[in-house]
């Protein structure tokens, strides 16, 4: 599993991908990149770990 932060029309989104590169999870759009990073940190703390690709 790995994570990515992407900017789109709704703001910054945190996305989680499986090891086969399939998108499995995403967040709402956040105003700041730091908020998207906090969402990833929460998932990493409460669930399985993974790398962050930016």
PDB file of N, CA and C in Angstrom:
ATOM      1  N   UNK A   1       0.843  -1.170   0.000  1.00  0.00           N
ATOM      2  CA  UNK A   1       0.000   0.000   0.000  1.00  0.00           C
ATOM      3  C   UNK A   1       0.891   1.236   0.000  1.00  0.00           C
ATOM      4  N   UNK A   2       0.464   2.229  -0.748  1.00  0.00           N
ATOM      5  CA  UNK A   2       1.154   3.514  -0.717  1.00  0.00           C
ATOM      6  C   UNK A   2       0.132   4.628  -0.875  1.00  0.00           C
ATOM      7  N   UNK A   3       0.540   5.837  -0.536  1.00  0.00           N
ATOM      8  CA  UNK A   3      -0.340   6.996  -0.545  1.00  0.00           C
ATOM      9  C   UNK A   3       0.187   8.041  -1.518  1.00  0.00           C
ATOM     10  N   UNK A   4      -0.724   8.886  -1.971  1.00  0.00           N
ATOM     11  CA  UNK A   4      -0.374   9.990  -2.854  1.00  0.00           C
ATOM     12  C   UNK A   4      -1.250  11.172  -2.485  1.00  0.00           C
ATOM     13  N   UNK A   5      -0.704  12.372  -2.593  1.00  0.00           N
ATOM     14  CA  UNK A   5      -1.487  13.598  -2.402  1.00  0.00           C
ATOM     15  C   UNK A   5      -1.599  14.265  -3.762  1.00  0.00           C
ATOM     16  N   UNK A   6      -2.832  14.578  -4.144  1.00  0.00           N
ATOM     17  CA  UNK A   6      -3.082  15.158  -5.465  1.00  0.00           C
ATOM     18  C   UNK A   6      -3.930  16.415  -5.302  1.00  0.00           C
ATOM     19  N   UNK A   7      -3.669  17.416  -6.125  1.00  0.00           N
ATOM     20  CA  UNK A   7      -4.479  18.628  -6.135  1.00  0.00           C
ATOM     21  C   UNK A   7      -5.422  18.570  -7.339  1.00  0.00           C
ATOM     22  N   UNK A   8      -6.711  18.829  -7.109  1.00  0.00           N
ATOM     23  CA  UNK A   8      -7.671  18.905  -8.199  1.00  0.00           C
ATOM     24  C   UNK A   8      -8.642  20.048  -7.923  1.00  0.00           C
ATOM     25  N   UNK A   9      -9.744  20.091  -8.632  1.00  0.00           N
ATOM     26  CA  UNK A   9     -10.696  21.200  -8.504  1.00  0.00           C
ATOM     27  C   UNK A   9     -11.267  21.349  -7.096  1.00  0.00           C
ATOM     28  N   UNK A  10     -11.324  20.249  -6.335  1.00  0.00           N
ATOM     29  CA  UNK A  10     -11.865  20.298  -4.969  1.00  0.00           C
ATOM     30  C   UNK A  10     -10.805  20.586  -3.921  1.00  0.00           C
ATOM     31  N   UNK A  11      -9.559  20.690  -4.302  1.00  0.00           N
ATOM     32  CA  UNK A  11      -8.469  20.936  -3.361  1.00  0.00           C
ATOM     33  C   UNK A  11      -7.516  19.755  -3.304  1.00  0.00           C
ATOM     34  N   UNK A  12      -6.817  19.628  -2.187  1.00  0.00           N
ATOM     35  CA  UNK A  12      -5.860  18.529  -2.011  1.00  0.00           C
ATOM     36  C   UNK A  12      -6.588  17.279  -1.549  1.00  0.00           C
ATOM     37  N   UNK A  13      -6.293  16.165  -2.174  1.00  0.00           N
ATOM     38  CA  UNK A  13      -6.884  14.885  -1.808  1.00  0.00           C
ATOM     39  C   UNK A  13      -5.778  13.908  -1.447  1.00  0.00           C
ATOM     40  N   UNK A  14      -6.041  13.100  -0.433  1.00  0.00           N
ATOM     41  CA  UNK A  14      -5.163  11.983  -0.104  1.00  0.00           C
ATOM     42  C   UNK A  14      -5.761  10.744  -0.752  1.00  0.00           C
ATOM     43  N   UNK A  15      -4.913   9.985  -1.447  1.00  0.00           N
ATOM     44  CA  UNK A  15      -5.362   8.764  -2.112  1.00  0.00           C
ATOM     45  C   UNK A  15      -4.508   7.594  -1.638  1.00  0.00           C
ATOM     46  N   UNK A  16      -5.119   6.448  -1.496  1.00  0.00           N
ATOM     47  CA  UNK A  16      -4.402   5.239  -1.093  1.00  0.00           C
ATOM     48  C   UNK A  16      -4.509   4.228  -2.223  1.00  0.00           C
ATOM     49  N   UNK A  17      -3.386   3.605  -2.528  1.00  0.00           N
ATOM     50  CA  UNK A  17      -3.315   2.608  -3.593  1.00  0.00           C
ATOM     51  C   UNK A  17      -2.842   1.280  -3.028  1.00  0.00           C
ATOM     52  N   UNK A  18      -3.387   0.202  -3.567  1.00  0.00           N
ATOM     53  CA  UNK A  18      -2.935  -1.139  -3.201  1.00  0.00           C
ATOM     54  C   UNK A  18      -1.595  -1.407  -3.876  1.00  0.00           C
ATOM     55  N   UNK A  19      -0.954  -2.488  -3.490  1.00  0.00           N
ATOM     56  CA  UNK A  19       0.355  -2.815  -4.072  1.00  0.00           C
ATOM     57  C   UNK A  19       0.275  -3.094  -5.570  1.00  0.00           C
ATOM     58  N   UNK A  20      -0.926  -3.384  -6.083  1.00  0.00           N
ATOM     59  CA  UNK A  20      -1.094  -3.580  -7.529  1.00  0.00           C
ATOM     60  C   UNK A  20      -1.438  -2.260  -8.234  1.00  0.00           C
ATOM     61  N   UNK A  21      -1.278  -1.127  -7.545  1.00  0.00           N
ATOM     62  CA  UNK A  21      -1.487   0.239  -8.057  1.00  0.00           C
ATOM     63  C   UNK A  21      -2.954   0.570  -8.305  1.00  0.00           C
ATOM     64  N   UNK A  22      -3.858  -0.170  -7.716  1.00  0.00           N
ATOM     65  CA  UNK A  22      -5.284   0.112  -7.843  1.00  0.00           C
ATOM     66  C   UNK A  22      -5.720   1.050  -6.722  1.00  0.00           C
ATOM     67  N   UNK A  23      -6.433   2.116  -7.085  1.00  0.00           N
ATOM     68  CA  UNK A  23      -6.941   3.080  -6.104  1.00  0.00           C
ATOM     69  C   UNK A  23      -7.957   2.388  -5.206  1.00  0.00           C
ATOM     70  N   UNK A  24      -7.752   2.488  -3.876  1.00  0.00           N
ATOM     71  CA  UNK A  24      -8.662   1.819  -2.954  1.00  0.00           C
ATOM     72  C   UNK A  24      -9.329   2.773  -1.965  1.00  0.00           C
ATOM     73  N   UNK A  25      -8.837   4.008  -1.850  1.00  0.00           N
ATOM     74  CA  UNK A  25      -9.371   4.938  -0.848  1.00  0.00           C
ATOM     75  C   UNK A  25      -8.989   6.356  -1.233  1.00  0.00           C
ATOM     76  N   UNK A  26      -9.859   7.326  -0.934  1.00  0.00           N
ATOM     77  CA  UNK A  26      -9.555   8.730  -1.162  1.00  0.00           C
ATOM     78  C   UNK A  26     -10.338   9.578  -0.180  1.00  0.00           C
ATOM     79  N   UNK A  27      -9.886  10.801   0.008  1.00  0.00           N
ATOM     80  CA  UNK A  27     -10.539  11.718   0.935  1.00  0.00           C
ATOM     81  C   UNK A  27     -11.341  12.758   0.170  1.00  0.00           C
ATOM     82  N   UNK A  28     -12.047  13.553   0.934  1.00  0.00           N
ATOM     83  CA  UNK A  28     -12.665  14.760   0.387  1.00  0.00           C
ATOM     84  C   UNK A  28     -11.543  15.727   0.008  1.00  0.00           C
ATOM     85  N   UNK A  29     -11.869  16.823  -0.665  1.00  0.00           N
ATOM     86  CA  UNK A  29     -10.870  17.833  -0.979  1.00  0.00           C
ATOM     87  C   UNK A  29     -10.587  18.717   0.225  1.00  0.00           C
ATOM     88  N   UNK A  30      -9.308  18.933   0.510  1.00  0.00           N
ATOM     89  CA  UNK A  30      -8.890  19.799   1.620  1.00  0.00           C
ATOM     90  C   UNK A  30      -8.280  21.079   1.071  1.00  0.00           C
ATOM     91  N   UNK A  31      -8.402  22.161   1.824  1.00  0.00           N
ATOM     92  CA  UNK A  31      -7.847  23.444   1.414  1.00  0.00           C
ATOM     93  C   UNK A  31      -6.321  23.403   1.424  1.00  0.00           C
ATOM     94  N   UNK A  32      -5.737  22.737   2.415  1.00  0.00           N
ATOM     95  CA  UNK A  32      -4.278  22.720   2.511  1.00  0.00           C
ATOM     96  C   UNK A  32      -3.733  21.303   2.339  1.00  0.00           C
ATOM     97  N   UNK A  33      -2.521  21.248   1.840  1.00  0.00           N
ATOM     98  CA  UNK A  33      -1.822  19.976   1.665  1.00  0.00           C
ATOM     99  C   UNK A  33      -1.558  19.320   3.023  1.00  0.00           C
ATOM    100  N   UNK A  34      -1.344  20.145   4.039  1.00  0.00           N
ATOM    101  CA  UNK A  34      -1.096  19.625   5.387  1.00  0.00           C
ATOM    102  C   UNK A  34      -2.302  18.852   5.907  1.00  0.00           C
ATOM    103  N   UNK A  35      -3.505  19.291   5.576  1.00  0.00           N
ATOM    104  CA  UNK A  35      -4.704  18.572   6.009  1.00  0.00           C
ATOM    105  C   UNK A  35      -4.784  17.202   5.341  1.00  0.00           C
ATOM    106  N   UNK A  36      -4.440  17.131   4.066  1.00  0.00           N
ATOM    107  CA  UNK A  36      -4.419  15.839   3.372  1.00  0.00           C
ATOM    108  C   UNK A  36      -3.360  14.930   3.994  1.00  0.00           C
ATOM    109  N   UNK A  37      -2.228  15.505   4.346  1.00  0.00           N
ATOM    110  CA  UNK A  37      -1.165  14.718   4.996  1.00  0.00           C
ATOM    111  C   UNK A  37      -1.634  14.192   6.358  1.00  0.00           C
ATOM    112  N   UNK A  38      -2.388  14.998   7.100  1.00  0.00           N
ATOM    113  CA  UNK A  38      -2.912  14.549   8.395  1.00  0.00           C
ATOM    114  C   UNK A  38      -3.883  13.376   8.213  1.00  0.00           C
ATOM    115  N   UNK A  39      -4.668  13.389   7.139  1.00  0.00           N
ATOM    116  CA  UNK A  39      -5.570  12.264   6.860  1.00  0.00           C
ATOM    117  C   UNK A  39      -4.763  10.986   6.613  1.00  0.00           C
ATOM    118  N   UNK A  40      -3.658  11.100   5.880  1.00  0.00           N
ATOM    119  CA  UNK A  40      -2.782   9.944   5.645  1.00  0.00           C
ATOM    120  C   UNK A  40      -2.173   9.470   6.952  1.00  0.00           C
ATOM    121  N   UNK A  41      -1.708  10.403   7.764  1.00  0.00           N
ATOM    122  CA  UNK A  41      -1.114  10.032   9.056  1.00  0.00           C
ATOM    123  C   UNK A  41      -2.112   9.295   9.932  1.00  0.00           C
ATOM    124  N   UNK A  42      -3.367   9.709   9.900  1.00  0.00           N
ATOM    125  CA  UNK A  42      -4.402   9.035  10.675  1.00  0.00           C
ATOM    126  C   UNK A  42      -4.588   7.598  10.200  1.00  0.00           C
ATOM    127  N   UNK A  43      -4.657   7.405   8.903  1.00  0.00           N
ATOM    128  CA  UNK A  43      -4.815   6.053   8.359  1.00  0.00           C
ATOM    129  C   UNK A  43      -3.596   5.201   8.682  1.00  0.00           C
ATOM    130  N   UNK A  44      -2.413   5.774   8.580  1.00  0.00           N
ATOM    131  CA  UNK A  44      -1.198   5.023   8.895  1.00  0.00           C
ATOM    132  C   UNK A  44      -1.137   4.648  10.372  1.00  0.00           C
ATOM    133  N   UNK A  45      -1.618   5.535  11.229  1.00  0.00           N
ATOM    134  CA  UNK A  45      -1.596   5.268  12.664  1.00  0.00           C
ATOM    135  C   UNK A  45      -2.637   4.214  13.047  1.00  0.00           C
ATOM    136  N   UNK A  46      -3.817   4.289  12.437  1.00  0.00           N
ATOM    137  CA  UNK A  46      -4.918   3.396  12.796  1.00  0.00           C
ATOM    138  C   UNK A  46      -5.001   2.139  11.937  1.00  0.00           C
ATOM    139  N   UNK A  47      -4.293   2.113  10.815  1.00  0.00           N
ATOM    140  CA  UNK A  47      -4.384   0.970   9.909  1.00  0.00           C
ATOM    141  C   UNK A  47      -2.999   0.540   9.441  1.00  0.00           C
ATOM    142  N   UNK A  48      -2.951  -0.140   8.300  1.00  0.00           N
ATOM    143  CA  UNK A  48      -1.666  -0.598   7.781  1.00  0.00           C
ATOM    144  C   UNK A  48      -0.810   0.580   7.309  1.00  0.00           C
ATOM    145  N   UNK A  49       0.496   0.448   7.379  1.00  0.00           N
ATOM    146  CA  UNK A  49       1.414   1.511   6.946  1.00  0.00           C
ATOM    147  C   UNK A  49       1.600   1.516   5.435  1.00  0.00           C
ATOM    148  N   UNK A  50       2.284   2.521   4.952  1.00  0.00           N
ATOM    149  CA  UNK A  50       2.570   2.630   3.533  1.00  0.00           C
ATOM    150  C   UNK A  50       3.402   3.867   3.263  1.00  0.00           C
ATOM    151  N   UNK A  51       4.019   3.904   2.085  1.00  0.00           N
ATOM    152  CA  UNK A  51       4.835   5.041   1.680  1.00  0.00           C
ATOM    153  C   UNK A  51       3.941   6.144   1.101  1.00  0.00           C
ATOM    154  N   UNK A  52       4.420   7.382   1.152  1.00  0.00           N
ATOM    155  CA  UNK A  52       3.712   8.512   0.560  1.00  0.00           C
ATOM    156  C   UNK A  52       4.474   8.921  -0.684  1.00  0.00           C
ATOM    157  N   UNK A  53       3.814   8.903  -1.838  1.00  0.00           N
ATOM    158  CA  UNK A  53       4.396   9.330  -3.125  1.00  0.00           C
ATOM    159  C   UNK A  53       3.795  10.671  -3.470  1.00  0.00           C
ATOM    160  N   UNK A  54       4.618  11.682  -3.770  1.00  0.00           N
ATOM    161  CA  UNK A  54       4.073  12.999  -4.096  1.00  0.00           C
ATOM    162  C   UNK A  54       4.476  13.430  -5.462  1.00  0.00           C
TER     163      UNK A  54
END
